[in-house]
Structure formats: structure tokens, C-alpha cells
């Protein structure tokens, strides 16, 4: 949101809103770099994802936003996470024998939740 599509995002939410969003991104970056792991939100979310994927065999994540303006958010997350899904080697080239990330799916909640429950 702050790179290739930044201009369209800025036009949609205005310059002030865009600056607030960038400030929020910066705050999260600072949080990630300065907060101990036991209270570090990105680290905890990553560990929870690994935990559920590895020990509960939860290979997918449903994203069902109820807000109409977030209807495309699941598609954004799908694209974002696809860059990590399917990786099969570590940084040093060792082949992994575990799932490297869940599959994200979903759509706006009234439609998505109906498909999920039927």
C-alpha cells in the first residue's frame, strides 16, 4: 500500500490519511525492532500461524471482512502471502519438511461466511 499502489491509495484516502497510514507503518516497524519477542506483535502472530499450521494442521486462513470497503482485502492478503507460500528451502538452501505458510482466502463476510458454512 505504500509502494506501487501508493498514489491510488493516497488519492482514495487523501494526503492526510496517507501520512497517518505511513506513520502507523513506521510505528509498527519501530515496535518490531525494539519490542522483546514475548510482546512483539508481528513475532507473536508469526508464531501463532506456525503453531496452528504445524500442530492443528490448519492450512488455511479465512478473512471475512464485514465492512463493504474492505471487500477486496482478502484478495490483497492472498497476493501478499503467495510470495511466501510454497517456499521449500531455508536461507542456507536446506530443504524444509513442513508447511511454510497458510493459504489465505475469503471475501466480504455475508457471502464468504455463507460459503464457509454450507
PDB file of N, CA and C in Angstrom:
ATOM      1  N   UNK A   1       0.815  -1.200   0.000  1.00  0.00           N
ATOM      2  CA  UNK A   1       0.000   0.000   0.000  1.00  0.00           C
ATOM      3  C   UNK A   1       0.852   1.255   0.000  1.00  0.00           C
ATOM      4  N   UNK A   2       2.087   1.112   0.378  1.00  0.00           N
ATOM      5  CA  UNK A   2       2.943   2.294   0.406  1.00  0.00           C
ATOM      6  C   UNK A   2       3.991   2.242  -0.698  1.00  0.00           C
ATOM      7  N   UNK A   3       3.780   1.377  -1.685  1.00  0.00           N
ATOM      8  CA  UNK A   3       4.759   1.273  -2.764  1.00  0.00           C
ATOM      9  C   UNK A   3       4.080   1.509  -4.107  1.00  0.00           C
ATOM     10  N   UNK A   4       3.931   0.475  -4.898  1.00  0.00           N
ATOM     11  CA  UNK A   4       3.437   0.610  -6.267  1.00  0.00           C
ATOM     12  C   UNK A   4       2.035   1.201  -6.357  1.00  0.00           C
ATOM     13  N   UNK A   5       1.181   0.883  -5.401  1.00  0.00           N
ATOM     14  CA  UNK A   5      -0.183   1.416  -5.465  1.00  0.00           C
ATOM     15  C   UNK A   5      -0.356   2.629  -4.558  1.00  0.00           C
ATOM     16  N   UNK A   6       0.748   3.189  -4.087  1.00  0.00           N
ATOM     17  CA  UNK A   6       0.690   4.310  -3.152  1.00  0.00           C
ATOM     18  C   UNK A   6      -0.077   5.504  -3.672  1.00  0.00           C
ATOM     19  N   UNK A   7       0.100   5.856  -4.930  1.00  0.00           N
ATOM     20  CA  UNK A   7      -0.586   7.033  -5.470  1.00  0.00           C
ATOM     21  C   UNK A   7      -2.094   6.839  -5.454  1.00  0.00           C
ATOM     22  N   UNK A   8      -2.556   5.674  -5.895  1.00  0.00           N
ATOM     23  CA  UNK A   8      -4.006   5.445  -5.893  1.00  0.00           C
ATOM     24  C   UNK A   8      -4.548   5.386  -4.469  1.00  0.00           C
ATOM     25  N   UNK A   9      -3.764   4.833  -3.553  1.00  0.00           N
ATOM     26  CA  UNK A   9      -4.177   4.819  -2.149  1.00  0.00           C
ATOM     27  C   UNK A   9      -4.269   6.238  -1.611  1.00  0.00           C
ATOM     28  N   UNK A  10      -3.261   7.062  -1.910  1.00  0.00           N
ATOM     29  CA  UNK A  10      -3.251   8.444  -1.437  1.00  0.00           C
ATOM     30  C   UNK A  10      -4.434   9.225  -2.012  1.00  0.00           C
ATOM     31  N   UNK A  11      -4.749   9.016  -3.264  1.00  0.00           N
ATOM     32  CA  UNK A  11      -5.902   9.696  -3.869  1.00  0.00           C
ATOM     33  C   UNK A  11      -7.187   9.258  -3.185  1.00  0.00           C
ATOM     34  N   UNK A  12      -7.281   7.969  -2.882  1.00  0.00           N
ATOM     35  CA  UNK A  12      -8.507   7.440  -2.274  1.00  0.00           C
ATOM     36  C   UNK A  12      -8.711   7.936  -0.847  1.00  0.00           C
ATOM     37  N   UNK A  13      -7.636   8.031  -0.062  1.00  0.00           N
ATOM     38  CA  UNK A  13      -7.812   8.399   1.352  1.00  0.00           C
ATOM     39  C   UNK A  13      -7.331   9.807   1.672  1.00  0.00           C
ATOM     40  N   UNK A  14      -6.755  10.486   0.707  1.00  0.00           N
ATOM     41  CA  UNK A  14      -6.287  11.849   0.926  1.00  0.00           C
ATOM     42  C   UNK A  14      -4.880  11.867   1.488  1.00  0.00           C
ATOM     43  N   UNK A  15      -4.219  13.012   1.290  1.00  0.00           N
ATOM     44  CA  UNK A  15      -2.837  13.139   1.719  1.00  0.00           C
ATOM     45  C   UNK A  15      -2.688  12.974   3.231  1.00  0.00           C
ATOM     46  N   UNK A  16      -3.599  13.569   4.006  1.00  0.00           N
ATOM     47  CA  UNK A  16      -3.529  13.442   5.465  1.00  0.00           C
ATOM     48  C   UNK A  16      -3.685  12.005   5.924  1.00  0.00           C
ATOM     49  N   UNK A  17      -4.667  11.315   5.361  1.00  0.00           N
ATOM     50  CA  UNK A  17      -4.882   9.908   5.698  1.00  0.00           C
ATOM     51  C   UNK A  17      -3.704   9.045   5.295  1.00  0.00           C
ATOM     52  N   UNK A  18      -3.097   9.361   4.145  1.00  0.00           N
ATOM     53  CA  UNK A  18      -1.944   8.598   3.674  1.00  0.00           C
ATOM     54  C   UNK A  18      -0.756   8.792   4.615  1.00  0.00           C
ATOM     55  N   UNK A  19      -0.545  10.022   5.067  1.00  0.00           N
ATOM     56  CA  UNK A  19       0.548  10.277   6.014  1.00  0.00           C
ATOM     57  C   UNK A  19       0.300   9.556   7.335  1.00  0.00           C
ATOM     58  N   UNK A  20      -0.952   9.541   7.795  1.00  0.00           N
ATOM     59  CA  UNK A  20      -1.273   8.801   9.021  1.00  0.00           C
ATOM     60  C   UNK A  20      -0.990   7.312   8.848  1.00  0.00           C
ATOM     61  N   UNK A  21      -1.328   6.784   7.671  1.00  0.00           N
ATOM     62  CA  UNK A  21      -1.070   5.373   7.403  1.00  0.00           C
ATOM     63  C   UNK A  21       0.436   5.092   7.426  1.00  0.00           C
ATOM     64  N   UNK A  22       1.218   5.954   6.776  1.00  0.00           N
ATOM     65  CA  UNK A  22       2.667   5.776   6.777  1.00  0.00           C
ATOM     66  C   UNK A  22       3.233   5.891   8.191  1.00  0.00           C
ATOM     67  N   UNK A  23       2.686   6.804   8.988  1.00  0.00           N
ATOM     68  CA  UNK A  23       3.117   6.921  10.386  1.00  0.00           C
ATOM     69  C   UNK A  23       2.831   5.631  11.148  1.00  0.00           C
ATOM     70  N   UNK A  24       1.672   5.032  10.886  1.00  0.00           N
ATOM     71  CA  UNK A  24       1.329   3.763  11.527  1.00  0.00           C
ATOM     72  C   UNK A  24       2.271   2.649  11.113  1.00  0.00           C
ATOM     73  N   UNK A  25       2.619   2.610   9.825  1.00  0.00           N
ATOM     74  CA  UNK A  25       3.593   1.616   9.359  1.00  0.00           C
ATOM     75  C   UNK A  25       4.920   1.798  10.092  1.00  0.00           C
ATOM     76  N   UNK A  26       5.347   3.057  10.217  1.00  0.00           N
ATOM     77  CA  UNK A  26       6.613   3.336  10.889  1.00  0.00           C
ATOM     78  C   UNK A  26       6.559   2.904  12.360  1.00  0.00           C
ATOM     79  N   UNK A  27       5.433   3.196  13.023  1.00  0.00           N
ATOM     80  CA  UNK A  27       5.288   2.788  14.427  1.00  0.00           C
ATOM     81  C   UNK A  27       5.400   1.275  14.571  1.00  0.00           C
ATOM     82  N   UNK A  28       4.797   0.536  13.643  1.00  0.00           N
ATOM     83  CA  UNK A  28       4.875  -0.926  13.710  1.00  0.00           C
ATOM     84  C   UNK A  28       6.297  -1.405  13.436  1.00  0.00           C
ATOM     85  N   UNK A  29       7.001  -0.747  12.511  1.00  0.00           N
ATOM     86  CA  UNK A  29       8.409  -1.099  12.264  1.00  0.00           C
ATOM     87  C   UNK A  29       9.248  -0.891  13.522  1.00  0.00           C
ATOM     88  N   UNK A  30       9.039   0.236  14.185  1.00  0.00           N
ATOM     89  CA  UNK A  30       9.781   0.525  15.417  1.00  0.00           C
ATOM     90  C   UNK A  30       9.423  -0.511  16.481  1.00  0.00           C
ATOM     91  N   UNK A  31       8.128  -0.814  16.612  1.00  0.00           N
ATOM     92  CA  UNK A  31       7.675  -1.826  17.575  1.00  0.00           C
ATOM     93  C   UNK A  31       8.390  -3.154  17.311  1.00  0.00           C
ATOM     94  N   UNK A  32       8.422  -3.579  16.045  1.00  0.00           N
ATOM     95  CA  UNK A  32       9.046  -4.856  15.689  1.00  0.00           C
ATOM     96  C   UNK A  32      10.531  -4.868  16.057  1.00  0.00           C
ATOM     97  N   UNK A  33      11.224  -3.779  15.805  1.00  0.00           N
ATOM     98  CA  UNK A  33      12.672  -3.729  16.044  1.00  0.00           C
ATOM     99  C   UNK A  33      13.052  -3.516  17.502  1.00  0.00           C
ATOM    100  N   UNK A  34      12.137  -2.988  18.324  1.00  0.00           N
ATOM    101  CA  UNK A  34      12.523  -2.623  19.692  1.00  0.00           C
ATOM    102  C   UNK A  34      11.819  -3.405  20.794  1.00  0.00           C
ATOM    103  N   UNK A  35      10.765  -4.142  20.469  1.00  0.00           N
ATOM    104  CA  UNK A  35       9.978  -4.824  21.490  1.00  0.00           C
ATOM    105  C   UNK A  35      10.474  -6.253  21.680  1.00  0.00           C
ATOM    106  N   UNK A  36      10.643  -6.687  22.932  1.00  0.00           N
ATOM    107  CA  UNK A  36      11.048  -8.079  23.179  1.00  0.00           C
ATOM    108  C   UNK A  36      10.057  -9.052  22.539  1.00  0.00           C
ATOM    109  N   UNK A  37      10.553 -10.214  22.126  1.00  0.00           N
ATOM    110  CA  UNK A  37       9.727 -11.178  21.404  1.00  0.00           C
ATOM    111  C   UNK A  37       8.443 -11.547  22.145  1.00  0.00           C
ATOM    112  N   UNK A  38       8.484 -11.643  23.463  1.00  0.00           N
ATOM    113  CA  UNK A  38       7.284 -12.082  24.188  1.00  0.00           C
ATOM    114  C   UNK A  38       6.139 -11.064  24.126  1.00  0.00           C
ATOM    115  N   UNK A  39       6.405  -9.826  23.669  1.00  0.00           N
ATOM    116  CA  UNK A  39       5.356  -8.812  23.499  1.00  0.00           C
ATOM    117  C   UNK A  39       5.345  -8.228  22.090  1.00  0.00           C
ATOM    118  N   UNK A  40       6.063  -8.841  21.177  1.00  0.00           N
ATOM    119  CA  UNK A  40       6.238  -8.323  19.826  1.00  0.00           C
ATOM    120  C   UNK A  40       5.117  -8.870  18.934  1.00  0.00           C
ATOM    121  N   UNK A  41       4.188  -8.010  18.518  1.00  0.00           N
ATOM    122  CA  UNK A  41       3.002  -8.457  17.783  1.00  0.00           C
ATOM    123  C   UNK A  41       3.325  -9.198  16.484  1.00  0.00           C
ATOM    124  N   UNK A  42       4.193  -8.689  15.604  1.00  0.00           N
ATOM    125  CA  UNK A  42       4.482  -9.463  14.392  1.00  0.00           C
ATOM    126  C   UNK A  42       5.112 -10.821  14.693  1.00  0.00           C
ATOM    127  N   UNK A  43       5.985 -10.881  15.677  1.00  0.00           N
ATOM    128  CA  UNK A  43       6.611 -12.158  16.041  1.00  0.00           C
ATOM    129  C   UNK A  43       5.556 -13.120  16.595  1.00  0.00           C
ATOM    130  N   UNK A  44       4.699 -12.631  17.485  1.00  0.00           N
ATOM    131  CA  UNK A  44       3.658 -13.485  18.063  1.00  0.00           C
ATOM    132  C   UNK A  44       2.681 -13.974  17.003  1.00  0.00           C
ATOM    133  N   UNK A  45       2.299 -13.103  16.070  1.00  0.00           N
ATOM    134  CA  UNK A  45       1.384 -13.521  15.003  1.00  0.00           C
ATOM    135  C   UNK A  45       2.040 -14.584  14.114  1.00  0.00           C
ATOM    136  N   UNK A  46       3.326 -14.412  13.810  1.00  0.00           N
ATOM    137  CA  UNK A  46       4.039 -15.409  13.021  1.00  0.00           C
ATOM    138  C   UNK A  46       4.126 -16.744  13.736  1.00  0.00           C
ATOM    139  N   UNK A  47       4.411 -16.697  15.043  1.00  0.00           N
ATOM    140  CA  UNK A  47       4.498 -17.935  15.819  1.00  0.00           C
ATOM    141  C   UNK A  47       3.137 -18.620  15.930  1.00  0.00           C
ATOM    142  N   UNK A  48       2.074 -17.827  16.105  1.00  0.00           N
ATOM    143  CA  UNK A  48       0.727 -18.417  16.147  1.00  0.00           C
ATOM    144  C   UNK A  48       0.377 -19.087  14.824  1.00  0.00           C
ATOM    145  N   UNK A  49       0.731 -18.443  13.734  1.00  0.00           N
ATOM    146  CA  UNK A  49       0.478 -19.024  12.420  1.00  0.00           C
ATOM    147  C   UNK A  49       1.218 -20.349  12.271  1.00  0.00           C
ATOM    148  N   UNK A  50       2.476 -20.366  12.639  1.00  0.00           N
ATOM    149  CA  UNK A  50       3.277 -21.595  12.584  1.00  0.00           C
ATOM    150  C   UNK A  50       2.693 -22.665  13.506  1.00  0.00           C
ATOM    151  N   UNK A  51       2.276 -22.278  14.698  1.00  0.00           N
ATOM    152  CA  UNK A  51       1.710 -23.198  15.682  1.00  0.00           C
ATOM    153  C   UNK A  51       0.437 -23.851  15.146  1.00  0.00           C
ATOM    154  N   UNK A  52      -0.504 -23.031  14.669  1.00  0.00           N
ATOM    155  CA  UNK A  52      -1.758 -23.592  14.175  1.00  0.00           C
ATOM    156  C   UNK A  52      -1.537 -24.432  12.926  1.00  0.00           C
ATOM    157  N   UNK A  53      -0.630 -23.998  12.065  1.00  0.00           N
ATOM    158  CA  UNK A  53      -0.353 -24.740  10.844  1.00  0.00           C
ATOM    159  C   UNK A  53       0.312 -26.071  11.151  1.00  0.00           C
ATOM    160  N   UNK A  54       1.248 -26.085  12.081  1.00  0.00           N
ATOM    161  CA  UNK A  54       2.018 -27.290  12.379  1.00  0.00           C
ATOM    162  C   UNK A  54       1.308 -28.267  13.302  1.00  0.00           C
ATOM    163  N   UNK A  55       0.649 -27.763  14.347  1.00  0.00           N
ATOM    164  CA  UNK A  55       0.086 -28.655  15.363  1.00  0.00           C
ATOM    165  C   UNK A  55      -1.406 -28.918  15.221  1.00  0.00           C
ATOM    166  N   UNK A  56      -2.115 -28.056  14.514  1.00  0.00           N
ATOM    167  CA  UNK A  56      -3.550 -28.253  14.307  1.00  0.00           C
ATOM    168  C   UNK A  56      -3.868 -28.525  12.836  1.00  0.00           C
ATOM    169  N   UNK A  57      -2.835 -28.599  12.003  1.00  0.00           N
ATOM    170  CA  UNK A  57      -2.998 -28.829  10.568  1.00  0.00           C
ATOM    171  C   UNK A  57      -3.965 -27.818   9.943  1.00  0.00           C
ATOM    172  N   UNK A  58      -3.957 -26.603  10.468  1.00  0.00           N
ATOM    173  CA  UNK A  58      -4.803 -25.518   9.938  1.00  0.00           C
ATOM    174  C   UNK A  58      -4.044 -24.876   8.774  1.00  0.00           C
ATOM    175  N   UNK A  59      -4.317 -25.355   7.572  1.00  0.00           N
ATOM    176  CA  UNK A  59      -3.548 -24.929   6.412  1.00  0.00           C
ATOM    177  C   UNK A  59      -4.132 -23.716   5.706  1.00  0.00           C
ATOM    178  N   UNK A  60      -5.295 -23.238   6.151  1.00  0.00           N
ATOM    179  CA  UNK A  60      -5.890 -22.068   5.514  1.00  0.00           C
ATOM    180  C   UNK A  60      -6.353 -21.067   6.568  1.00  0.00           C
ATOM    181  N   UNK A  61      -6.487 -19.820   6.134  1.00  0.00           N
ATOM    182  CA  UNK A  61      -6.980 -18.742   6.986  1.00  0.00           C
ATOM    183  C   UNK A  61      -8.112 -18.050   6.232  1.00  0.00           C
ATOM    184  N   UNK A  62      -9.288 -17.990   6.844  1.00  0.00           N
ATOM    185  CA  UNK A  62     -10.417 -17.288   6.237  1.00  0.00           C
ATOM    186  C   UNK A  62     -10.393 -15.831   6.687  1.00  0.00           C
ATOM    187  N   UNK A  63     -10.497 -14.920   5.727  1.00  0.00           N
ATOM    188  CA  UNK A  63     -10.577 -13.490   6.007  1.00  0.00           C
ATOM    189  C   UNK A  63     -11.934 -13.038   5.487  1.00  0.00           C
ATOM    190  N   UNK A  64     -12.833 -12.662   6.408  1.00  0.00           N
ATOM    191  CA  UNK A  64     -14.215 -12.347   6.056  1.00  0.00           C
ATOM    192  C   UNK A  64     -14.593 -10.966   6.586  1.00  0.00           C
ATOM    193  N   UNK A  65     -14.131  -9.905   5.943  1.00  0.00           N
ATOM    194  CA  UNK A  65     -14.439  -8.562   6.444  1.00  0.00           C
ATOM    195  C   UNK A  65     -15.921  -8.235   6.272  1.00  0.00           C
ATOM    196  N   UNK A  66     -16.496  -7.609   7.284  1.00  0.00           N
ATOM    197  CA  UNK A  66     -17.894  -7.196   7.200  1.00  0.00           C
ATOM    198  C   UNK A  66     -18.050  -5.808   6.601  1.00  0.00           C
ATOM    199  N   UNK A  67     -17.011  -5.020   6.614  1.00  0.00           N
ATOM    200  CA  UNK A  67     -17.065  -3.672   6.056  1.00  0.00           C
ATOM    201  C   UNK A  67     -16.987  -3.740   4.531  1.00  0.00           C
ATOM    202  N   UNK A  68     -17.955  -3.139   3.854  1.00  0.00           N
ATOM    203  CA  UNK A  68     -18.021  -3.154   2.393  1.00  0.00           C
ATOM    204  C   UNK A  68     -16.732  -2.627   1.763  1.00  0.00           C
ATOM    205  N   UNK A  69     -16.132  -1.609   2.372  1.00  0.00           N
ATOM    206  CA  UNK A  69     -14.929  -1.014   1.798  1.00  0.00           C
ATOM    207  C   UNK A  69     -13.710  -1.931   1.901  1.00  0.00           C
ATOM    208  N   UNK A  70     -13.803  -2.997   2.667  1.00  0.00           N
ATOM    209  CA  UNK A  70     -12.706  -3.963   2.774  1.00  0.00           C
ATOM    210  C   UNK A  70     -12.962  -5.219   1.942  1.00  0.00           C
ATOM    211  N   UNK A  71     -13.919  -5.152   1.030  1.00  0.00           N
ATOM    212  CA  UNK A  71     -14.300  -6.345   0.273  1.00  0.00           C
ATOM    213  C   UNK A  71     -13.143  -6.942  -0.536  1.00  0.00           C
ATOM    214  N   UNK A  72     -12.169  -6.136  -0.948  1.00  0.00           N
ATOM    215  CA  UNK A  72     -11.039  -6.641  -1.720  1.00  0.00           C
ATOM    216  C   UNK A  72      -9.845  -7.015  -0.842  1.00  0.00           C
ATOM    217  N   UNK A  73      -9.952  -6.818   0.479  1.00  0.00           N
ATOM    218  CA  UNK A  73      -8.854  -7.103   1.395  1.00  0.00           C
ATOM    219  C   UNK A  73      -8.415  -8.570   1.355  1.00  0.00           C
ATOM    220  N   UNK A  74      -9.340  -9.536   1.311  1.00  0.00           N
ATOM    221  CA  UNK A  74      -8.893 -10.934   1.213  1.00  0.00           C
ATOM    222  C   UNK A  74      -8.037 -11.184  -0.033  1.00  0.00           C
ATOM    223  N   UNK A  75      -8.407 -10.599  -1.162  1.00  0.00           N
ATOM    224  CA  UNK A  75      -7.618 -10.774  -2.389  1.00  0.00           C
ATOM    225  C   UNK A  75      -6.228 -10.154  -2.218  1.00  0.00           C
ATOM    226  N   UNK A  76      -6.152  -9.006  -1.548  1.00  0.00           N
ATOM    227  CA  UNK A  76      -4.854  -8.371  -1.279  1.00  0.00           C
ATOM    228  C   UNK A  76      -3.979  -9.287  -0.420  1.00  0.00           C
ATOM    229  N   UNK A  77      -4.567  -9.861   0.640  1.00  0.00           N
ATOM    230  CA  UNK A  77      -3.800 -10.766   1.501  1.00  0.00           C
ATOM    231  C   UNK A  77      -3.367 -12.018   0.759  1.00  0.00           C
ATOM    232  N   UNK A  78      -4.232 -12.516  -0.125  1.00  0.00           N
ATOM    233  CA  UNK A  78      -3.862 -13.689  -0.916  1.00  0.00           C
ATOM    234  C   UNK A  78      -2.611 -13.393  -1.737  1.00  0.00           C
ATOM    235  N   UNK A  79      -2.593 -12.259  -2.416  1.00  0.00           N
ATOM    236  CA  UNK A  79      -1.444 -11.899  -3.232  1.00  0.00           C
ATOM    237  C   UNK A  79      -0.210 -11.681  -2.365  1.00  0.00           C
ATOM    238  N   UNK A  80      -0.379 -11.002  -1.258  1.00  0.00           N
ATOM    239  CA  UNK A  80       0.736 -10.708  -0.355  1.00  0.00           C
ATOM    240  C   UNK A  80       1.367 -11.992   0.182  1.00  0.00           C
ATOM    241  N   UNK A  81       0.527 -12.915   0.615  1.00  0.00           N
ATOM    242  CA  UNK A  81       1.061 -14.134   1.231  1.00  0.00           C
ATOM    243  C   UNK A  81       1.549 -15.146   0.207  1.00  0.00           C
ATOM    244  N   UNK A  82       1.063 -15.076  -1.019  1.00  0.00           N
ATOM    245  CA  UNK A  82       1.530 -16.011  -2.045  1.00  0.00           C
ATOM    246  C   UNK A  82       3.022 -15.865  -2.293  1.00  0.00           C
ATOM    247  N   UNK A  83       3.581 -14.698  -1.986  1.00  0.00           N
ATOM    248  CA  UNK A  83       5.013 -14.503  -2.180  1.00  0.00           C
ATOM    249  C   UNK A  83       5.820 -15.354  -1.208  1.00  0.00           C
ATOM    250  N   UNK A  84       5.210 -15.764  -0.085  1.00  0.00           N
ATOM    251  CA  UNK A  84       5.899 -16.609   0.887  1.00  0.00           C
ATOM    252  C   UNK A  84       5.452 -18.057   0.808  1.00  0.00           C
ATOM    253  N   UNK A  85       4.210 -18.293   0.438  1.00  0.00           N
ATOM    254  CA  UNK A  85       3.725 -19.673   0.359  1.00  0.00           C
ATOM    255  C   UNK A  85       4.507 -20.462  -0.684  1.00  0.00           C
ATOM    256  N   UNK A  86       4.708 -21.715  -0.401  1.00  0.00           N
ATOM    257  CA  UNK A  86       5.371 -22.588  -1.347  1.00  0.00           C
ATOM    258  C   UNK A  86       6.880 -22.578  -1.266  1.00  0.00           C
ATOM    259  N   UNK A  87       7.425 -21.743  -0.419  1.00  0.00           N
ATOM    260  CA  UNK A  87       8.874 -21.768  -0.252  1.00  0.00           C
ATOM    261  C   UNK A  87       9.244 -23.130   0.334  1.00  0.00           C
ATOM    262  N   UNK A  88      10.283 -23.716  -0.173  1.00  0.00           N
ATOM    263  CA  UNK A  88      10.633 -25.066   0.290  1.00  0.00           C
ATOM    264  C   UNK A  88      12.085 -25.191   0.730  1.00  0.00           C
ATOM    265  N   UNK A  89      12.799 -24.071   0.814  1.00  0.00           N
ATOM    266  CA  UNK A  89      14.169 -24.108   1.313  1.00  0.00           C
ATOM    267  C   UNK A  89      14.396 -22.959   2.280  1.00  0.00           C
ATOM    268  N   UNK A  90      15.340 -23.144   3.184  1.00  0.00           N
ATOM    269  CA  UNK A  90      15.720 -22.090   4.116  1.00  0.00           C
ATOM    270  C   UNK A  90      16.709 -21.147   3.439  1.00  0.00           C
ATOM    271  N   UNK A  91      17.113 -20.106   4.148  1.00  0.00           N
ATOM    272  CA  UNK A  91      18.066 -19.146   3.585  1.00  0.00           C
ATOM    273  C   UNK A  91      19.385 -19.793   3.194  1.00  0.00           C
ATOM    274  N   UNK A  92      19.767 -20.854   3.899  1.00  0.00           N
ATOM    275  CA  UNK A  92      21.039 -21.510   3.567  1.00  0.00           C
ATOM    276  C   UNK A  92      20.873 -22.644   2.548  1.00  0.00           C
ATOM    277  N   UNK A  93      19.668 -22.815   1.988  1.00  0.00           N
ATOM    278  CA  UNK A  93      19.435 -23.812   0.948  1.00  0.00           C
ATOM    279  C   UNK A  93      18.960 -25.163   1.428  1.00  0.00           C
ATOM    280  N   UNK A  94      18.769 -25.327   2.736  1.00  0.00           N
ATOM    281  CA  UNK A  94      18.298 -26.594   3.279  1.00  0.00           C
ATOM    282  C   UNK A  94      16.810 -26.779   2.965  1.00  0.00           C
ATOM    283  N   UNK A  95      16.449 -27.949   2.472  1.00  0.00           N
ATOM    284  CA  UNK A  95      15.047 -28.241   2.171  1.00  0.00           C
ATOM    285  C   UNK A  95      14.259 -28.391   3.468  1.00  0.00           C
ATOM    286  N   UNK A  96      13.073 -27.772   3.529  1.00  0.00           N
ATOM    287  CA  UNK A  96      12.237 -27.869   4.721  1.00  0.00           C
ATOM    288  C   UNK A  96      11.249 -29.026   4.549  1.00  0.00           C
ATOM    289  N   UNK A  97      10.813 -29.603   5.668  1.00  0.00           N
ATOM    290  CA  UNK A  97       9.864 -30.714   5.625  1.00  0.00           C
ATOM    291  C   UNK A  97       8.571 -30.345   6.337  1.00  0.00           C
ATOM    292  N   UNK A  98       8.200 -29.074   6.269  1.00  0.00           N
ATOM    293  CA  UNK A  98       6.989 -28.581   6.924  1.00  0.00           C
ATOM    294  C   UNK A  98       6.354 -27.496   6.054  1.00  0.00           C
ATOM    295  N   UNK A  99       5.106 -27.215   6.347  1.00  0.00           N
ATOM    296  CA  UNK A  99       4.400 -26.151   5.633  1.00  0.00           C
ATOM    297  C   UNK A  99       5.053 -24.809   5.959  1.00  0.00           C
ATOM    298  N   UNK A 100       5.218 -23.960   4.954  1.00  0.00           N
ATOM    299  CA  UNK A 100       5.877 -22.672   5.184  1.00  0.00           C
ATOM    300  C   UNK A 100       4.908 -21.520   5.368  1.00  0.00           C
ATOM    301  N   UNK A 101       3.638 -21.761   5.180  1.00  0.00           N
ATOM    302  CA  UNK A 101       2.659 -20.696   5.405  1.00  0.00           C
ATOM    303  C   UNK A 101       1.273 -21.144   5.008  1.00  0.00           C
ATOM    304  N   UNK A 102       0.247 -20.570   5.648  1.00  0.00           N
ATOM    305  CA  UNK A 102      -1.128 -20.949   5.326  1.00  0.00           C
ATOM    306  C   UNK A 102      -1.606 -20.287   4.035  1.00  0.00           C
ATOM    307  N   UNK A 103      -2.681 -20.804   3.502  1.00  0.00           N
ATOM    308  CA  UNK A 103      -3.338 -20.229   2.336  1.00  0.00           C
ATOM    309  C   UNK A 103      -4.426 -19.286   2.839  1.00  0.00           C
ATOM    310  N   UNK A 104      -4.426 -18.072   2.358  1.00  0.00           N
ATOM    311  CA  UNK A 104      -5.449 -17.087   2.732  1.00  0.00           C
ATOM    312  C   UNK A 104      -6.538 -17.078   1.676  1.00  0.00           C
ATOM    313  N   UNK A 105      -7.774 -17.023   2.120  1.00  0.00           N
ATOM    314  CA  UNK A 105      -8.906 -16.967   1.213  1.00  0.00           C
ATOM    315  C   UNK A 105     -10.029 -16.185   1.873  1.00  0.00           C
ATOM    316  N   UNK A 106     -11.048 -15.852   1.110  1.00  0.00           N
ATOM    317  CA  UNK A 106     -12.219 -15.196   1.670  1.00  0.00           C
ATOM    318  C   UNK A 106     -12.780 -14.144   0.749  1.00  0.00           C
ATOM    319  N   UNK A 107     -13.822 -13.526   1.207  1.00  0.00           N
ATOM    320  CA  UNK A 107     -14.471 -12.400   0.554  1.00  0.00           C
ATOM    321  C   UNK A 107     -15.363 -11.727   1.575  1.00  0.00           C
ATOM    322  N   UNK A 108     -16.107 -10.736   1.141  1.00  0.00           N
ATOM    323  CA  UNK A 108     -16.929  -9.999   2.085  1.00  0.00           C
ATOM    324  C   UNK A 108     -17.805 -10.958   2.885  1.00  0.00           C
ATOM    325  N   UNK A 109     -17.892 -10.739   4.192  1.00  0.00           N
ATOM    326  CA  UNK A 109     -18.422 -11.705   5.138  1.00  0.00           C
ATOM    327  C   UNK A 109     -19.794 -12.293   4.824  1.00  0.00           C
ATOM    328  N   UNK A 110     -20.815 -11.512   4.498  1.00  0.00           N
ATOM    329  CA  UNK A 110     -22.107 -12.180   4.269  1.00  0.00           C
ATOM    330  C   UNK A 110     -22.018 -13.259   3.195  1.00  0.00           C
ATOM    331  N   UNK A 111     -21.285 -13.013   2.134  1.00  0.00           N
ATOM    332  CA  UNK A 111     -21.122 -14.002   1.059  1.00  0.00           C
ATOM    333  C   UNK A 111     -20.146 -15.086   1.488  1.00  0.00           C
ATOM    334  N   UNK A 112     -18.992 -14.679   1.997  1.00  0.00           N
ATOM    335  CA  UNK A 112     -17.955 -15.637   2.373  1.00  0.00           C
ATOM    336  C   UNK A 112     -18.383 -16.550   3.501  1.00  0.00           C
ATOM    337  N   UNK A 113     -19.074 -16.012   4.513  1.00  0.00           N
ATOM    338  CA  UNK A 113     -19.464 -16.851   5.634  1.00  0.00           C
ATOM    339  C   UNK A 113     -20.545 -17.842   5.228  1.00  0.00           C
ATOM    340  N   UNK A 114     -21.382 -17.481   4.253  1.00  0.00           N
ATOM    341  CA  UNK A 114     -22.381 -18.418   3.759  1.00  0.00           C
ATOM    342  C   UNK A 114     -21.698 -19.583   3.041  1.00  0.00           C
ATOM    343  N   UNK A 115     -20.696 -19.275   2.254  1.00  0.00           N
ATOM    344  CA  UNK A 115     -19.963 -20.327   1.557  1.00  0.00           C
ATOM    345  C   UNK A 115     -19.197 -21.190   2.520  1.00  0.00           C
ATOM    346  N   UNK A 116     -18.719 -20.582   3.595  1.00  0.00           N
ATOM    347  CA  UNK A 116     -17.923 -21.307   4.580  1.00  0.00           C
ATOM    348  C   UNK A 116     -18.775 -22.306   5.343  1.00  0.00           C
ATOM    349  N   UNK A 117     -20.023 -21.958   5.645  1.00  0.00           N
ATOM    350  CA  UNK A 117     -20.866 -22.803   6.497  1.00  0.00           C
ATOM    351  C   UNK A 117     -21.696 -23.802   5.709  1.00  0.00           C
ATOM    352  N   UNK A 118     -21.836 -23.619   4.415  1.00  0.00           N
ATOM    353  CA  UNK A 118     -22.685 -24.539   3.638  1.00  0.00           C
ATOM    354  C   UNK A 118     -21.881 -25.652   3.037  1.00  0.00           C
TER     355      UNK A 118
END
